[in-house]
């Protein structure tokens, strides 16, 4: 046993009875009915601990925890712990005092479930010990262990169905915009969608003196760009005379004079 190993507790039972057992005359096994079950020699607490691969059955006082007897178990089932032939609640264990002296005593549990837990705790511990031994052997001789062959046997084939793995075009993926010849992507259309409004050219006005005047140039927007209407050419003297004659021939019904301005608009 190594000095660095720690002790773990496997099972604790608060009540157990200890009995003196008669010597076994034959090899037929122990029988609990031959014990004086109504007169136990000692009663207290049972605790199973493990240190390394060895388990220890410890009989302790309920109150003080003082050790009454201890039974080292290095193999189960074995001579250190034996079950009786006529009951599942009684066992025979081999205790040691540390000086080489050994004795066999009988123990019994009032509850059958406690006896079951006692048995399972020992079984689980030595199952773990067996696994640790197998792992140690495999670590020493890794080539002797079974090898996993994942290669194809002669004539063996596999079939892969990748029809459902193809992703349909246009479903679940955004469309990419085509790039121009220069490598630049096209700009998106302007937001809104309002139709552009063209402002008609202004109406020429005639002064009372017979000369044409040009109003301010009107501006219009088409698609966000500013468009200016062409300016008309200035009126000549002949054109002014024509408009003056037309103004004199027109009556009051076809002309409208704006008060205070002296301008006539047709």
Protein backbone atom coordinates (compact mmCIF):
# COMPACT_ATOMS: atom_id res chain seq x y z
CA UNK A 1 0.00 0.00 0.00
CA UNK A 2 1.41 3.36 -1.02
CA UNK A 3 1.71 6.16 1.53
CA UNK A 4 0.00 8.67 -0.78
CA UNK A 5 -3.25 6.71 -1.07
CA UNK A 6 -6.29 8.20 0.58
CA UNK A 7 -9.09 6.44 2.42
CA UNK A 8 -12.63 6.64 1.03
CA UNK A 9 -15.89 5.67 2.71
CA UNK A 10 -18.00 3.16 0.79
CA UNK A 11 -20.88 2.45 3.17
CA UNK A 12 -22.11 3.38 6.66
CA UNK A 13 -24.80 1.49 8.59
CA UNK A 14 -25.90 2.79 11.99
CA UNK A 15 -26.84 -0.54 13.56
CA UNK A 16 -25.18 -3.95 13.38
CA UNK A 17 -24.97 -6.86 15.84
CA UNK A 18 -21.95 -9.07 16.52
CA UNK A 19 -22.29 -12.76 17.48
CA UNK A 20 -19.97 -15.45 18.70
CA UNK A 21 -20.07 -18.35 16.28
CA UNK A 22 -19.22 -21.99 16.94
CA UNK A 23 -16.40 -23.61 15.01
CA UNK A 24 -17.38 -24.94 11.65
CA UNK A 25 -17.24 -28.73 11.73
CA UNK A 26 -17.91 -29.37 8.04
CA UNK A 27 -17.55 -27.54 4.76
CA UNK A 28 -21.28 -27.08 4.29
CA UNK A 29 -21.07 -23.43 5.34
CA UNK A 30 -22.21 -21.33 8.27
CA UNK A 31 -25.79 -21.27 9.51
CA UNK A 32 -27.14 -18.27 11.43
CA UNK A 33 -29.73 -20.44 13.15
CA UNK A 34 -26.91 -22.05 15.20
CA UNK A 35 -26.03 -18.68 16.73
CA UNK A 36 -27.69 -17.13 19.72
CA UNK A 37 -29.41 -14.41 17.72
CA UNK A 38 -31.32 -13.02 20.71
CA UNK A 39 -28.08 -12.46 22.65
CA UNK A 40 -25.61 -10.46 20.51
CA UNK A 41 -22.13 -10.01 21.98
CA UNK A 42 -21.87 -6.41 20.81
CA UNK A 43 -23.94 -3.80 18.93
CA UNK A 44 -22.77 -0.64 17.23
CA UNK A 45 -22.05 1.01 13.86
CA UNK A 46 -20.55 -0.53 10.74
CA UNK A 47 -18.43 1.43 8.29
CA UNK A 48 -16.78 0.17 5.07
CA UNK A 49 -13.76 2.11 3.85
CA UNK A 50 -11.29 1.57 1.04
CA UNK A 51 -7.62 2.46 0.75
CA UNK A 52 -6.12 1.47 -2.54
CA UNK A 53 -7.34 -1.98 -3.53
CA UNK A 54 -8.10 -3.14 0.03
CA UNK A 55 -11.48 -2.63 1.70
CA UNK A 56 -11.90 -2.46 5.48
CA UNK A 57 -14.98 -3.44 7.49
CA UNK A 58 -14.85 -1.41 10.69
CA UNK A 59 -17.05 -1.97 13.73
CA UNK A 60 -17.24 1.26 15.75
CA UNK A 61 -19.06 2.62 18.76
CA UNK A 62 -22.19 4.61 17.81
CA UNK A 63 -21.40 7.54 20.10
CA UNK A 64 -17.64 7.88 20.38
CA UNK A 65 -16.62 6.21 17.12
CA UNK A 66 -14.07 4.04 18.96
CA UNK A 67 -12.93 1.07 16.90
CA UNK A 68 -14.13 -2.28 18.23
CA UNK A 69 -12.80 -4.58 15.49
CA UNK A 70 -11.59 -4.37 11.90
CA UNK A 71 -11.65 -6.84 9.02
CA UNK A 72 -9.39 -6.19 6.00
CA UNK A 73 -10.87 -7.53 2.75
CA UNK A 74 -8.58 -8.07 -0.21
CA UNK A 75 -10.94 -10.27 -2.21
CA UNK A 76 -14.70 -10.63 -2.46
CA UNK A 77 -16.22 -13.13 -2.32
CA UNK A 78 -13.52 -14.86 -0.30
CA UNK A 79 -12.57 -16.10 3.13
CA UNK A 80 -12.58 -12.58 4.63
CA UNK A 81 -16.36 -12.22 4.12
CA UNK A 82 -18.78 -15.13 3.75
CA UNK A 83 -22.56 -15.27 3.62
CA UNK A 84 -24.51 -17.76 5.72
CA UNK A 85 -26.55 -20.44 4.01
CA UNK A 86 -29.88 -19.85 5.72
CA UNK A 87 -30.31 -16.02 5.67
CA UNK A 88 -29.39 -12.94 3.62
CA UNK A 89 -29.03 -10.66 6.68
CA UNK A 90 -26.09 -12.42 8.34
CA UNK A 91 -22.42 -12.72 7.38
CA UNK A 92 -19.19 -14.15 8.81
CA UNK A 93 -16.15 -11.86 8.70
CA UNK A 94 -12.51 -12.40 9.63
CA UNK A 95 -11.18 -9.74 11.96
CA UNK A 96 -7.52 -8.89 12.64
CA UNK A 97 -5.89 -6.98 15.47
CA UNK A 98 -2.79 -5.86 13.61
CA UNK A 99 -0.50 -8.26 15.48
CA UNK A 100 -1.20 -11.26 13.29
CA UNK A 101 -4.07 -12.65 15.34
CA UNK A 102 -7.29 -13.47 13.50
CA UNK A 103 -10.78 -14.52 14.53
CA UNK A 104 -14.10 -15.23 12.82
CA UNK A 105 -17.23 -13.51 14.11
CA UNK A 106 -20.78 -13.27 12.90
CA UNK A 107 -22.54 -9.97 12.07
CA UNK A 108 -26.22 -9.38 11.42
CA UNK A 109 -28.44 -6.50 10.25
CA UNK A 110 -31.93 -5.79 11.52
CA UNK A 111 -33.01 -4.36 8.14
CA UNK A 112 -32.65 -6.54 5.06
CA UNK A 113 -31.90 -3.41 2.97
CA UNK A 114 -28.83 -2.69 5.11
CA UNK A 115 -27.52 -6.18 4.38
CA UNK A 116 -28.09 -5.61 0.66
CA UNK A 117 -26.16 -2.31 0.74
CA UNK A 118 -23.32 -3.99 2.63
CA UNK A 119 -23.02 -6.67 -0.05
CA UNK A 120 -23.28 -4.24 -3.01
CA UNK A 121 -20.65 -1.87 -1.57
CA UNK A 122 -18.08 -4.67 -1.50
CA UNK A 123 -19.04 -5.87 -4.98
CA UNK A 124 -18.70 -2.41 -6.52
CA UNK A 125 -15.31 -1.82 -4.93
CA UNK A 126 -13.76 -5.04 -6.21
CA UNK A 127 -15.32 -4.54 -9.63
CA UNK A 128 -13.46 -1.23 -9.75
CA UNK A 129 -10.27 -3.00 -8.62
CA UNK A 130 -10.61 -5.50 -11.46
CA UNK A 131 -11.03 -2.72 -14.03
CA UNK A 132 -7.96 -0.90 -12.73
CA UNK A 133 -5.90 -4.07 -13.09
CA UNK A 134 -7.07 -4.52 -16.68
CA UNK A 135 -6.23 -0.91 -17.53
CA UNK A 136 -2.75 -1.33 -16.05
CA UNK A 137 -2.12 -4.44 -18.14
CA UNK A 138 -3.25 -2.68 -21.32
CA UNK A 139 -0.98 0.26 -20.56
CA UNK A 140 2.02 -2.05 -20.17
CA UNK A 141 1.23 -4.05 -23.33
CA UNK A 142 -0.75 -1.81 -25.68
CA UNK A 143 -0.13 -4.11 -28.69
CA UNK A 144 -1.87 -7.07 -27.07
CA UNK A 145 -5.24 -5.33 -26.81
CA UNK A 146 -7.91 -5.69 -29.49
CA UNK A 147 -7.38 -3.34 -32.43
CA UNK A 148 -10.19 -1.47 -34.09
CA UNK A 149 -10.14 -2.03 -37.84
CA UNK A 150 -11.96 0.73 -39.71
CA UNK A 151 -10.72 -0.21 -43.18
CA UNK A 152 -12.94 -1.47 -46.00
CA UNK A 153 -13.09 -5.17 -46.53
CA UNK A 154 -12.52 -6.58 -50.00
CA UNK A 155 -15.54 -5.85 -52.17
CA UNK A 156 -17.21 -3.65 -49.56
CA UNK A 157 -18.78 -0.43 -50.82
CA UNK A 158 -20.70 2.45 -49.32
CA UNK A 159 -23.39 4.65 -50.81
CA UNK A 160 -23.73 8.37 -50.11
CA UNK A 161 -26.94 10.25 -50.82
CA UNK A 162 -26.07 13.88 -51.41
CA UNK A 163 -29.26 14.90 -53.24
CA UNK A 164 -30.64 16.63 -50.17
CA UNK A 165 -27.34 18.36 -49.48
CA UNK A 166 -27.54 20.63 -52.54
CA UNK A 167 -28.96 24.00 -51.71
CA UNK A 168 -31.54 25.38 -54.08
CA UNK A 169 -30.51 28.53 -55.84
CA UNK A 170 -32.33 31.64 -54.68
CA UNK A 171 -33.81 30.02 -51.55
CA UNK A 172 -32.47 31.15 -48.25
CA UNK A 173 -29.58 33.18 -49.72
CA UNK A 174 -29.71 36.86 -50.73
CA UNK A 175 -29.15 37.69 -54.37
CA UNK A 176 -25.99 39.53 -55.23
CA UNK A 177 -26.09 42.57 -57.44
CA UNK A 178 -24.19 42.34 -60.73
CA UNK A 179 -21.02 44.34 -60.91
CA UNK A 180 -20.27 46.81 -63.67
CA UNK A 181 -17.47 46.40 -66.18
CA UNK A 182 -15.19 48.54 -64.08
CA UNK A 183 -15.63 46.33 -61.06
CA UNK A 184 -17.93 48.78 -59.24
CA UNK A 185 -21.36 47.72 -58.06
CA UNK A 186 -24.46 49.54 -59.30
CA UNK A 187 -26.02 52.09 -57.00
CA UNK A 188 -29.55 51.41 -55.74
CA UNK A 189 -32.44 53.52 -57.04
CA UNK A 190 -33.28 56.73 -55.12
CA UNK A 191 -35.83 56.41 -52.35
CA UNK A 192 -39.36 57.71 -52.61
CA UNK A 193 -40.59 57.33 -56.17
CA UNK A 194 -42.17 60.79 -56.56
CA UNK A 195 -42.62 62.00 -60.10
CA UNK A 196 -40.68 65.07 -61.07
CA UNK A 197 -42.63 68.23 -61.73
CA UNK A 198 -41.70 70.49 -64.62
CA UNK A 199 -42.45 74.16 -64.22
CA UNK A 200 -43.73 75.71 -67.49
CA UNK A 201 -41.87 78.63 -68.94
CA UNK A 202 -42.91 82.04 -67.60
CA UNK A 203 -45.32 84.31 -69.49
CA UNK A 204 -43.78 87.32 -71.05
CA UNK A 205 -45.09 90.63 -69.81
CA UNK A 206 -45.58 93.82 -71.78
CA UNK A 207 -45.02 97.18 -70.26
CA UNK A 208 -47.15 100.19 -70.99
CA UNK A 209 -44.26 101.71 -72.87
CA UNK A 210 -44.46 98.92 -75.48
CA UNK A 211 -41.30 96.96 -74.56
CA UNK A 212 -41.17 93.32 -73.52
CA UNK A 213 -39.70 92.44 -70.15
CA UNK A 214 -38.17 89.11 -69.20
CA UNK A 215 -39.18 87.68 -65.81
CA UNK A 216 -36.87 85.63 -63.60
CA UNK A 217 -35.90 82.26 -64.94
CA UNK A 218 -37.94 79.44 -63.31
CA UNK A 219 -36.13 76.39 -62.11
CA UNK A 220 -37.40 72.85 -62.08
CA UNK A 221 -36.05 69.57 -60.70
CA UNK A 222 -35.92 66.36 -62.72
CA UNK A 223 -34.62 63.27 -60.89
CA UNK A 224 -32.79 65.37 -58.33
CA UNK A 225 -31.05 67.59 -60.97
CA UNK A 226 -31.83 71.31 -61.43
CA UNK A 227 -33.08 72.29 -64.93
CA UNK A 228 -33.32 75.90 -66.08
CA UNK A 229 -35.49 77.02 -68.96
CA UNK A 230 -33.76 78.92 -71.74
CA UNK A 231 -34.10 82.68 -71.60
CA UNK A 232 -35.96 84.33 -74.48
CA UNK A 233 -34.19 86.83 -76.61
CA UNK A 234 -34.82 90.52 -75.91
CA UNK A 235 -37.62 92.12 -77.92
CA UNK A 236 -36.73 94.38 -80.83
CA UNK A 237 -38.42 97.67 -81.73
CA UNK A 238 -40.55 96.03 -84.41
CA UNK A 239 -41.83 93.44 -81.97
CA UNK A 240 -42.70 96.15 -79.47
CA UNK A 241 -44.73 98.02 -82.10
CA UNK A 242 -46.68 94.89 -82.97
CA UNK A 243 -47.53 94.23 -79.32
CA UNK A 244 -48.42 97.89 -78.88
CA UNK A 245 -50.81 97.84 -81.84
CA UNK A 246 -52.35 94.65 -80.51
CA UNK A 247 -52.80 96.22 -77.11
CA UNK A 248 -54.52 99.29 -78.69
CA UNK A 249 -56.86 97.14 -80.77
CA UNK A 250 -57.85 94.96 -77.86
CA UNK A 251 -60.79 96.07 -75.81
CA UNK A 252 -61.21 96.24 -72.08
CA UNK A 253 -62.75 92.71 -72.03
CA UNK A 254 -59.54 91.08 -73.38
CA UNK A 255 -57.09 93.01 -71.21
CA UNK A 256 -56.57 93.26 -67.48
CA UNK A 257 -54.84 96.24 -65.90
CA UNK A 258 -53.20 95.78 -62.55
CA UNK A 259 -53.77 98.83 -60.39
CA UNK A 260 -50.77 100.70 -59.22
CA UNK A 261 -48.33 98.93 -61.51
CA UNK A 262 -49.00 100.14 -65.02
CA UNK A 263 -48.52 96.61 -66.44
CA UNK A 264 -50.93 94.95 -68.79
CA UNK A 265 -50.94 91.13 -68.89
CA UNK A 266 -52.55 89.05 -71.66
